[in-house]
N, C-alpha and C. Protein backbone atom coordinates (compact mmCIF):
# COMPACT_ATOMS: atom_id res chain seq x y z
N MET A 1 -4.71 -1.29 28.87
CA MET A 1 -4.71 -2.59 29.50
C MET A 1 -4.90 -3.66 28.43
N PRO A 2 -4.27 -4.81 28.59
CA PRO A 2 -4.32 -5.85 27.56
C PRO A 2 -5.65 -6.63 27.56
N ILE A 3 -6.57 -6.19 26.72
CA ILE A 3 -7.85 -6.87 26.58
C ILE A 3 -7.90 -7.46 25.18
N ARG A 4 -8.38 -8.70 25.12
CA ARG A 4 -8.45 -9.40 23.83
C ARG A 4 -9.62 -10.37 23.86
N HIS A 5 -9.94 -10.90 22.69
CA HIS A 5 -10.96 -11.93 22.59
C HIS A 5 -10.44 -13.22 23.22
N ALA A 6 -11.29 -13.92 23.93
CA ALA A 6 -10.93 -15.22 24.50
C ALA A 6 -10.81 -16.24 23.37
N THR A 7 -9.94 -17.21 23.58
CA THR A 7 -9.77 -18.32 22.64
C THR A 7 -9.85 -19.62 23.41
N LEU A 8 -9.88 -20.72 22.69
CA LEU A 8 -9.89 -22.03 23.34
C LEU A 8 -8.65 -22.24 24.21
N ALA A 9 -7.56 -21.57 23.88
CA ALA A 9 -6.35 -21.68 24.71
C ALA A 9 -6.56 -21.09 26.10
N ASP A 10 -7.57 -20.23 26.26
CA ASP A 10 -7.89 -19.62 27.54
C ASP A 10 -8.88 -20.45 28.36
N LEU A 11 -9.28 -21.59 27.85
CA LEU A 11 -10.40 -22.32 28.43
C LEU A 11 -10.23 -22.63 29.92
N GLU A 12 -9.08 -23.12 30.32
CA GLU A 12 -8.92 -23.50 31.73
C GLU A 12 -8.95 -22.29 32.67
N PRO A 13 -8.13 -21.26 32.45
CA PRO A 13 -8.20 -20.12 33.38
C PRO A 13 -9.53 -19.36 33.28
N LEU A 14 -10.12 -19.32 32.10
CA LEU A 14 -11.41 -18.65 31.94
C LEU A 14 -12.50 -19.43 32.69
N SER A 15 -12.40 -20.75 32.66
CA SER A 15 -13.36 -21.59 33.40
C SER A 15 -13.27 -21.32 34.89
N GLU A 16 -12.08 -21.13 35.39
CA GLU A 16 -11.91 -20.81 36.82
C GLU A 16 -12.55 -19.47 37.15
N LEU A 17 -12.39 -18.49 36.26
CA LEU A 17 -13.03 -17.20 36.49
C LEU A 17 -14.55 -17.33 36.45
N LEU A 18 -15.07 -18.09 35.48
CA LEU A 18 -16.52 -18.27 35.38
C LEU A 18 -17.05 -18.99 36.62
N ASP A 19 -16.34 -19.98 37.08
CA ASP A 19 -16.78 -20.70 38.28
C ASP A 19 -16.81 -19.76 39.49
N ALA A 20 -15.81 -18.90 39.62
CA ALA A 20 -15.79 -17.92 40.71
C ALA A 20 -16.94 -16.92 40.56
N TYR A 21 -17.22 -16.51 39.34
CA TYR A 21 -18.35 -15.61 39.07
C TYR A 21 -19.66 -16.26 39.51
N ARG A 22 -19.86 -17.51 39.18
CA ARG A 22 -21.07 -18.23 39.56
C ARG A 22 -21.18 -18.37 41.08
N ARG A 23 -20.05 -18.61 41.73
CA ARG A 23 -20.06 -18.70 43.19
C ARG A 23 -20.43 -17.35 43.81
N PHE A 24 -19.99 -16.27 43.19
CA PHE A 24 -20.37 -14.93 43.65
C PHE A 24 -21.89 -14.80 43.68
N TYR A 25 -22.55 -15.43 42.72
CA TYR A 25 -24.01 -15.42 42.65
C TYR A 25 -24.62 -16.64 43.33
N ARG A 26 -23.91 -17.17 44.31
CA ARG A 26 -24.40 -18.22 45.20
C ARG A 26 -24.77 -19.52 44.50
N GLN A 27 -24.03 -19.86 43.44
CA GLN A 27 -24.19 -21.14 42.77
C GLN A 27 -23.16 -22.12 43.31
N GLU A 28 -23.47 -23.39 43.26
CA GLU A 28 -22.53 -24.41 43.69
C GLU A 28 -21.32 -24.43 42.75
N PRO A 29 -20.12 -24.62 43.26
CA PRO A 29 -18.95 -24.72 42.38
C PRO A 29 -19.11 -25.89 41.42
N ASP A 30 -18.75 -25.67 40.17
CA ASP A 30 -18.81 -26.73 39.17
C ASP A 30 -17.88 -26.34 38.02
N LEU A 31 -16.60 -26.55 38.25
CA LEU A 31 -15.58 -26.15 37.28
C LEU A 31 -15.75 -26.89 35.95
N GLU A 32 -16.10 -28.16 36.00
CA GLU A 32 -16.24 -28.93 34.77
C GLU A 32 -17.40 -28.43 33.91
N ASP A 33 -18.54 -28.13 34.52
CA ASP A 33 -19.65 -27.58 33.75
C ASP A 33 -19.35 -26.18 33.24
N ALA A 34 -18.63 -25.39 34.02
CA ALA A 34 -18.21 -24.07 33.56
C ALA A 34 -17.33 -24.21 32.32
N ARG A 35 -16.40 -25.18 32.36
CA ARG A 35 -15.53 -25.42 31.21
C ARG A 35 -16.34 -25.84 30.00
N ARG A 36 -17.28 -26.77 30.17
CA ARG A 36 -18.10 -27.23 29.04
C ARG A 36 -18.93 -26.08 28.46
N PHE A 37 -19.49 -25.27 29.34
CA PHE A 37 -20.30 -24.14 28.89
C PHE A 37 -19.47 -23.17 28.05
N LEU A 38 -18.30 -22.82 28.57
CA LEU A 38 -17.43 -21.88 27.84
C LEU A 38 -16.91 -22.48 26.54
N GLN A 39 -16.57 -23.75 26.56
CA GLN A 39 -16.09 -24.39 25.35
C GLN A 39 -17.16 -24.32 24.25
N ALA A 40 -18.41 -24.55 24.63
CA ALA A 40 -19.51 -24.46 23.67
C ALA A 40 -19.64 -23.04 23.13
N ARG A 41 -19.52 -22.04 24.00
CA ARG A 41 -19.62 -20.64 23.54
C ARG A 41 -18.50 -20.33 22.54
N LEU A 42 -17.28 -20.73 22.90
CA LEU A 42 -16.13 -20.43 22.05
C LEU A 42 -16.20 -21.18 20.73
N GLU A 43 -16.62 -22.43 20.75
CA GLU A 43 -16.71 -23.21 19.51
C GLU A 43 -17.85 -22.74 18.62
N ARG A 44 -18.98 -22.40 19.21
CA ARG A 44 -20.14 -21.96 18.43
C ARG A 44 -20.06 -20.49 18.03
N GLY A 45 -19.29 -19.72 18.79
CA GLY A 45 -19.20 -18.29 18.51
C GLY A 45 -20.51 -17.56 18.75
N ASP A 46 -21.33 -18.06 19.68
CA ASP A 46 -22.63 -17.43 19.92
C ASP A 46 -22.60 -16.36 21.00
N SER A 47 -21.41 -16.06 21.50
CA SER A 47 -21.24 -14.92 22.40
C SER A 47 -19.89 -14.29 22.11
N HIS A 48 -19.71 -13.11 22.63
CA HIS A 48 -18.43 -12.41 22.53
C HIS A 48 -17.83 -12.41 23.94
N ILE A 49 -16.65 -12.99 24.09
CA ILE A 49 -15.99 -13.03 25.39
C ILE A 49 -14.67 -12.29 25.27
N LEU A 50 -14.54 -11.24 26.07
CA LEU A 50 -13.30 -10.48 26.13
C LEU A 50 -12.64 -10.78 27.47
N VAL A 51 -11.33 -10.90 27.45
CA VAL A 51 -10.59 -11.18 28.68
C VAL A 51 -9.53 -10.11 28.90
N HIS A 52 -9.20 -9.92 30.15
CA HIS A 52 -8.12 -9.02 30.53
C HIS A 52 -7.00 -9.87 31.10
N ALA A 53 -5.80 -9.70 30.56
CA ALA A 53 -4.64 -10.45 31.04
C ALA A 53 -3.72 -9.51 31.81
N GLY A 54 -3.18 -10.03 32.91
CA GLY A 54 -2.24 -9.26 33.72
C GLY A 54 -0.86 -9.25 33.08
N SER A 55 0.08 -8.63 33.75
CA SER A 55 1.43 -8.46 33.19
C SER A 55 2.13 -9.79 32.95
N ALA A 56 1.77 -10.82 33.71
CA ALA A 56 2.37 -12.14 33.51
C ALA A 56 1.54 -13.01 32.59
N GLY A 57 0.49 -12.43 31.99
CA GLY A 57 -0.35 -13.17 31.07
C GLY A 57 -1.53 -13.88 31.71
N GLU A 58 -1.64 -13.80 33.05
CA GLU A 58 -2.74 -14.47 33.74
C GLU A 58 -4.05 -13.73 33.51
N LEU A 59 -5.13 -14.47 33.36
CA LEU A 59 -6.43 -13.84 33.16
C LEU A 59 -6.93 -13.26 34.48
N GLN A 60 -7.30 -11.99 34.43
CA GLN A 60 -7.76 -11.29 35.63
C GLN A 60 -9.26 -11.00 35.61
N GLY A 61 -9.86 -11.07 34.45
CA GLY A 61 -11.29 -10.78 34.37
C GLY A 61 -11.81 -11.05 32.98
N PHE A 62 -13.14 -11.05 32.87
CA PHE A 62 -13.77 -11.26 31.57
C PHE A 62 -15.11 -10.54 31.53
N VAL A 63 -15.56 -10.31 30.32
CA VAL A 63 -16.90 -9.80 30.06
C VAL A 63 -17.46 -10.64 28.92
N GLN A 64 -18.75 -10.99 29.03
CA GLN A 64 -19.38 -11.81 27.99
C GLN A 64 -20.66 -11.12 27.52
N LEU A 65 -20.79 -11.04 26.21
CA LEU A 65 -21.93 -10.37 25.59
C LEU A 65 -22.65 -11.33 24.65
N TYR A 66 -23.97 -11.25 24.66
CA TYR A 66 -24.80 -12.09 23.79
C TYR A 66 -25.58 -11.20 22.82
N PRO A 67 -25.47 -11.47 21.53
CA PRO A 67 -26.24 -10.70 20.55
C PRO A 67 -27.73 -10.99 20.63
N LEU A 68 -28.53 -9.94 20.57
CA LEU A 68 -29.99 -10.02 20.56
C LEU A 68 -30.51 -9.02 19.53
N LEU A 69 -31.82 -9.01 19.36
CA LEU A 69 -32.46 -8.03 18.48
C LEU A 69 -33.56 -7.31 19.24
N SER A 70 -33.76 -6.05 18.93
CA SER A 70 -34.85 -5.28 19.51
C SER A 70 -35.89 -5.03 18.42
N THR A 71 -37.06 -5.59 18.61
CA THR A 71 -38.15 -5.36 17.67
C THR A 71 -38.62 -3.92 17.74
N VAL A 72 -38.67 -3.36 18.93
CA VAL A 72 -39.13 -1.98 19.10
C VAL A 72 -38.19 -1.01 18.39
N ARG A 73 -36.89 -1.20 18.57
CA ARG A 73 -35.91 -0.31 17.95
C ARG A 73 -35.56 -0.73 16.53
N LEU A 74 -36.00 -1.94 16.12
CA LEU A 74 -35.66 -2.49 14.81
C LEU A 74 -34.15 -2.47 14.59
N ALA A 75 -33.44 -2.93 15.61
CA ALA A 75 -31.99 -2.86 15.57
C ALA A 75 -31.40 -3.93 16.49
N PRO A 76 -30.14 -4.24 16.28
CA PRO A 76 -29.49 -5.19 17.19
C PRO A 76 -29.21 -4.54 18.54
N LEU A 77 -29.15 -5.39 19.56
CA LEU A 77 -28.68 -4.97 20.87
C LEU A 77 -27.91 -6.15 21.43
N TRP A 78 -27.04 -5.87 22.35
CA TRP A 78 -26.28 -6.94 23.00
C TRP A 78 -26.57 -6.92 24.48
N LEU A 79 -26.69 -8.12 25.03
CA LEU A 79 -26.84 -8.28 26.47
C LEU A 79 -25.47 -8.49 27.07
N LEU A 80 -25.05 -7.57 27.91
CA LEU A 80 -23.80 -7.74 28.65
C LEU A 80 -24.20 -8.60 29.85
N ASN A 81 -24.02 -9.89 29.68
CA ASN A 81 -24.55 -10.84 30.66
C ASN A 81 -23.61 -11.07 31.83
N ASP A 82 -22.31 -11.00 31.59
CA ASP A 82 -21.35 -11.35 32.62
C ASP A 82 -20.19 -10.38 32.64
N LEU A 83 -19.85 -9.93 33.82
CA LEU A 83 -18.63 -9.17 34.05
C LEU A 83 -18.06 -9.69 35.36
N PHE A 84 -16.80 -10.11 35.33
CA PHE A 84 -16.18 -10.60 36.55
C PHE A 84 -14.71 -10.25 36.53
N VAL A 85 -14.23 -9.76 37.67
CA VAL A 85 -12.81 -9.48 37.88
C VAL A 85 -12.38 -10.27 39.11
N SER A 86 -11.26 -10.97 38.99
CA SER A 86 -10.77 -11.75 40.13
C SER A 86 -10.54 -10.81 41.31
N PRO A 87 -10.81 -11.28 42.52
CA PRO A 87 -10.65 -10.41 43.69
C PRO A 87 -9.27 -9.77 43.78
N ALA A 88 -8.22 -10.47 43.40
CA ALA A 88 -6.86 -9.93 43.49
C ALA A 88 -6.64 -8.76 42.53
N ALA A 89 -7.46 -8.66 41.47
CA ALA A 89 -7.26 -7.62 40.46
C ALA A 89 -8.26 -6.47 40.60
N ARG A 90 -9.13 -6.54 41.58
CA ARG A 90 -10.15 -5.49 41.73
C ARG A 90 -9.53 -4.18 42.18
N ARG A 91 -10.22 -3.12 41.84
CA ARG A 91 -9.83 -1.75 42.16
C ARG A 91 -8.59 -1.29 41.38
N GLY A 92 -8.29 -2.02 40.30
CA GLY A 92 -7.15 -1.65 39.47
C GLY A 92 -7.56 -1.19 38.08
N GLY A 93 -8.86 -1.00 37.86
CA GLY A 93 -9.34 -0.52 36.57
C GLY A 93 -9.68 -1.62 35.57
N VAL A 94 -9.59 -2.88 35.99
CA VAL A 94 -9.86 -3.99 35.07
C VAL A 94 -11.33 -4.00 34.64
N GLY A 95 -12.24 -3.88 35.60
CA GLY A 95 -13.66 -3.87 35.27
C GLY A 95 -14.03 -2.72 34.34
N ARG A 96 -13.51 -1.55 34.64
CA ARG A 96 -13.76 -0.38 33.79
C ARG A 96 -13.24 -0.62 32.37
N ALA A 97 -12.03 -1.15 32.27
CA ALA A 97 -11.43 -1.41 30.95
C ALA A 97 -12.25 -2.44 30.18
N LEU A 98 -12.72 -3.48 30.85
CA LEU A 98 -13.55 -4.49 30.18
C LEU A 98 -14.87 -3.89 29.71
N MET A 99 -15.48 -3.05 30.53
CA MET A 99 -16.74 -2.41 30.14
C MET A 99 -16.54 -1.49 28.94
N GLN A 100 -15.44 -0.75 28.93
CA GLN A 100 -15.17 0.14 27.80
C GLN A 100 -14.88 -0.67 26.54
N ALA A 101 -14.15 -1.77 26.68
CA ALA A 101 -13.87 -2.63 25.53
C ALA A 101 -15.14 -3.26 24.99
N ALA A 102 -16.08 -3.61 25.88
CA ALA A 102 -17.36 -4.17 25.44
C ALA A 102 -18.12 -3.14 24.60
N ARG A 103 -18.12 -1.91 25.05
CA ARG A 103 -18.80 -0.85 24.29
C ARG A 103 -18.15 -0.66 22.93
N GLU A 104 -16.83 -0.60 22.91
CA GLU A 104 -16.11 -0.42 21.65
C GLU A 104 -16.38 -1.57 20.69
N LEU A 105 -16.42 -2.79 21.20
CA LEU A 105 -16.70 -3.94 20.35
C LEU A 105 -18.11 -3.85 19.77
N ALA A 106 -19.07 -3.49 20.61
CA ALA A 106 -20.45 -3.34 20.13
C ALA A 106 -20.52 -2.27 19.05
N GLU A 107 -19.89 -1.13 19.29
CA GLU A 107 -19.90 -0.05 18.30
C GLU A 107 -19.28 -0.50 16.99
N SER A 108 -18.20 -1.27 17.08
CA SER A 108 -17.53 -1.73 15.85
C SER A 108 -18.39 -2.70 15.06
N HIS A 109 -19.39 -3.31 15.71
CA HIS A 109 -20.32 -4.21 15.03
C HIS A 109 -21.63 -3.50 14.66
N GLY A 110 -21.67 -2.20 14.83
CA GLY A 110 -22.87 -1.44 14.50
C GLY A 110 -23.99 -1.58 15.51
N VAL A 111 -23.65 -2.01 16.72
CA VAL A 111 -24.63 -2.17 17.78
C VAL A 111 -24.59 -0.93 18.66
N GLY A 112 -25.71 -0.24 18.77
CA GLY A 112 -25.75 0.98 19.55
C GLY A 112 -26.52 0.87 20.84
N HIS A 113 -26.76 -0.37 21.30
CA HIS A 113 -27.56 -0.54 22.52
C HIS A 113 -27.04 -1.76 23.28
N LEU A 114 -26.60 -1.52 24.49
CA LEU A 114 -26.19 -2.59 25.40
C LEU A 114 -27.14 -2.60 26.58
N LYS A 115 -27.45 -3.79 27.08
CA LYS A 115 -28.28 -3.94 28.27
C LYS A 115 -27.54 -4.83 29.25
N LEU A 116 -27.82 -4.65 30.53
CA LEU A 116 -27.30 -5.55 31.56
C LEU A 116 -28.23 -5.52 32.75
N ALA A 117 -28.05 -6.50 33.60
CA ALA A 117 -28.77 -6.56 34.87
C ALA A 117 -27.76 -6.90 35.95
N THR A 118 -27.98 -6.39 37.13
CA THR A 118 -27.13 -6.72 38.26
C THR A 118 -27.99 -6.82 39.51
N GLU A 119 -27.48 -7.50 40.50
CA GLU A 119 -28.23 -7.63 41.74
C GLU A 119 -28.45 -6.26 42.37
N ILE A 120 -29.57 -6.12 43.02
CA ILE A 120 -29.93 -4.86 43.67
C ILE A 120 -28.89 -4.45 44.70
N GLU A 121 -28.30 -5.40 45.38
CA GLU A 121 -27.32 -5.10 46.43
C GLU A 121 -25.88 -4.98 45.92
N ASN A 122 -25.66 -5.14 44.63
CA ASN A 122 -24.30 -5.06 44.08
C ASN A 122 -23.96 -3.59 43.80
N HIS A 123 -23.75 -2.84 44.86
CA HIS A 123 -23.54 -1.39 44.75
C HIS A 123 -22.22 -1.05 44.07
N ALA A 124 -21.20 -1.86 44.25
CA ALA A 124 -19.91 -1.58 43.60
C ALA A 124 -20.07 -1.64 42.08
N ALA A 125 -20.77 -2.66 41.58
CA ALA A 125 -20.98 -2.77 40.13
C ALA A 125 -21.84 -1.61 39.64
N GLN A 126 -22.88 -1.27 40.39
CA GLN A 126 -23.76 -0.18 39.97
C GLN A 126 -22.99 1.13 39.87
N ALA A 127 -22.09 1.37 40.80
CA ALA A 127 -21.29 2.60 40.77
C ALA A 127 -20.41 2.62 39.51
N LEU A 128 -19.82 1.48 39.17
CA LEU A 128 -19.01 1.40 37.95
C LEU A 128 -19.87 1.70 36.73
N TYR A 129 -21.01 1.03 36.61
CA TYR A 129 -21.86 1.21 35.43
C TYR A 129 -22.29 2.67 35.29
N GLU A 130 -22.73 3.25 36.39
CA GLU A 130 -23.21 4.63 36.34
C GLU A 130 -22.08 5.60 36.02
N SER A 131 -20.87 5.31 36.47
CA SER A 131 -19.73 6.19 36.16
C SER A 131 -19.38 6.14 34.68
N LEU A 132 -19.82 5.08 34.00
CA LEU A 132 -19.56 4.93 32.56
C LEU A 132 -20.74 5.38 31.71
N GLY A 133 -21.74 5.98 32.34
CA GLY A 133 -22.88 6.53 31.61
C GLY A 133 -24.08 5.61 31.48
N TRP A 134 -24.01 4.41 32.04
CA TRP A 134 -25.16 3.51 32.01
C TRP A 134 -26.26 4.11 32.89
N GLN A 135 -27.51 3.91 32.46
CA GLN A 135 -28.64 4.44 33.20
C GLN A 135 -29.56 3.31 33.65
N ARG A 136 -30.00 3.40 34.88
CA ARG A 136 -30.93 2.40 35.42
C ARG A 136 -32.27 2.55 34.70
N ASP A 137 -32.85 1.43 34.29
CA ASP A 137 -34.14 1.42 33.61
C ASP A 137 -35.24 1.74 34.61
N THR A 138 -35.95 2.81 34.36
CA THR A 138 -37.08 3.16 35.22
C THR A 138 -38.39 3.10 34.44
N THR A 139 -38.32 2.62 33.19
CA THR A 139 -39.49 2.57 32.33
C THR A 139 -40.15 1.19 32.31
N PHE A 140 -39.33 0.14 32.35
CA PHE A 140 -39.84 -1.22 32.21
C PHE A 140 -39.55 -2.05 33.44
N TYR A 141 -40.45 -2.93 33.77
CA TYR A 141 -40.20 -3.99 34.74
C TYR A 141 -39.66 -5.17 33.94
N HIS A 142 -38.73 -5.88 34.50
CA HIS A 142 -38.17 -7.05 33.85
C HIS A 142 -38.57 -8.28 34.66
N TYR A 143 -39.02 -9.30 33.97
CA TYR A 143 -39.48 -10.52 34.61
C TYR A 143 -38.65 -11.69 34.13
N GLY A 144 -38.67 -12.76 34.90
CA GLY A 144 -38.01 -14.00 34.52
C GLY A 144 -38.89 -15.17 34.85
N LEU A 145 -38.68 -16.27 34.16
CA LEU A 145 -39.40 -17.50 34.42
C LEU A 145 -38.39 -18.63 34.40
N LEU A 146 -38.22 -19.28 35.52
CA LEU A 146 -37.28 -20.40 35.63
C LEU A 146 -38.06 -21.69 35.69
N PHE A 147 -37.59 -22.69 34.97
CA PHE A 147 -38.18 -24.02 35.04
C PHE A 147 -37.11 -25.04 34.70
N ASP A 148 -37.32 -26.27 35.15
CA ASP A 148 -36.35 -27.32 34.95
C ASP A 148 -36.32 -27.78 33.50
N THR A 149 -35.12 -27.93 32.97
CA THR A 149 -34.92 -28.47 31.64
C THR A 149 -33.47 -28.92 31.53
N THR A 150 -33.23 -29.85 30.68
CA THR A 150 -31.86 -30.27 30.42
C THR A 150 -31.36 -29.66 29.12
N ALA A 151 -32.25 -29.02 28.36
CA ALA A 151 -31.86 -28.37 27.11
C ALA A 151 -30.99 -27.17 27.42
N GLY A 152 -30.08 -26.86 26.53
CA GLY A 152 -29.26 -25.66 26.66
C GLY A 152 -28.10 -25.80 27.62
N GLN A 153 -27.78 -27.00 28.05
CA GLN A 153 -26.66 -27.19 28.97
C GLN A 153 -25.33 -26.90 28.31
N GLY A 154 -25.25 -27.01 27.01
CA GLY A 154 -23.98 -26.83 26.31
C GLY A 154 -23.80 -25.50 25.72
């Protein structure tokens, strides 16, 4: 399947996918902010974004990874923060191909540890991850802290 790194030329269709991904997670639609966010990622190179293009060149899905470090492992790890496949392209192997490409990219950068989180009720995603060898963390609890800020919008 045709998977490649996203470029600024992909900004508009990729923004539409990101906006749909955010709506999936019950966020208000905001195509312009999605575009600004992705443009910043692509210009700064602070994430790895892989896209899947259909036979006509249309973007059907994306995966986004953020580099991190593990102090415990004394090694790099990447957070697979986003995976989204357009509804029209689901059940065609796009998500699986993007997940495999993410692993291959991490391996090519010497990263041997990927992490992700998904909603408890997202059983379709969980089935995909587990079919690819991902294991649910039963050792650690993960916490989050949300607070208002205008920093990091870009």
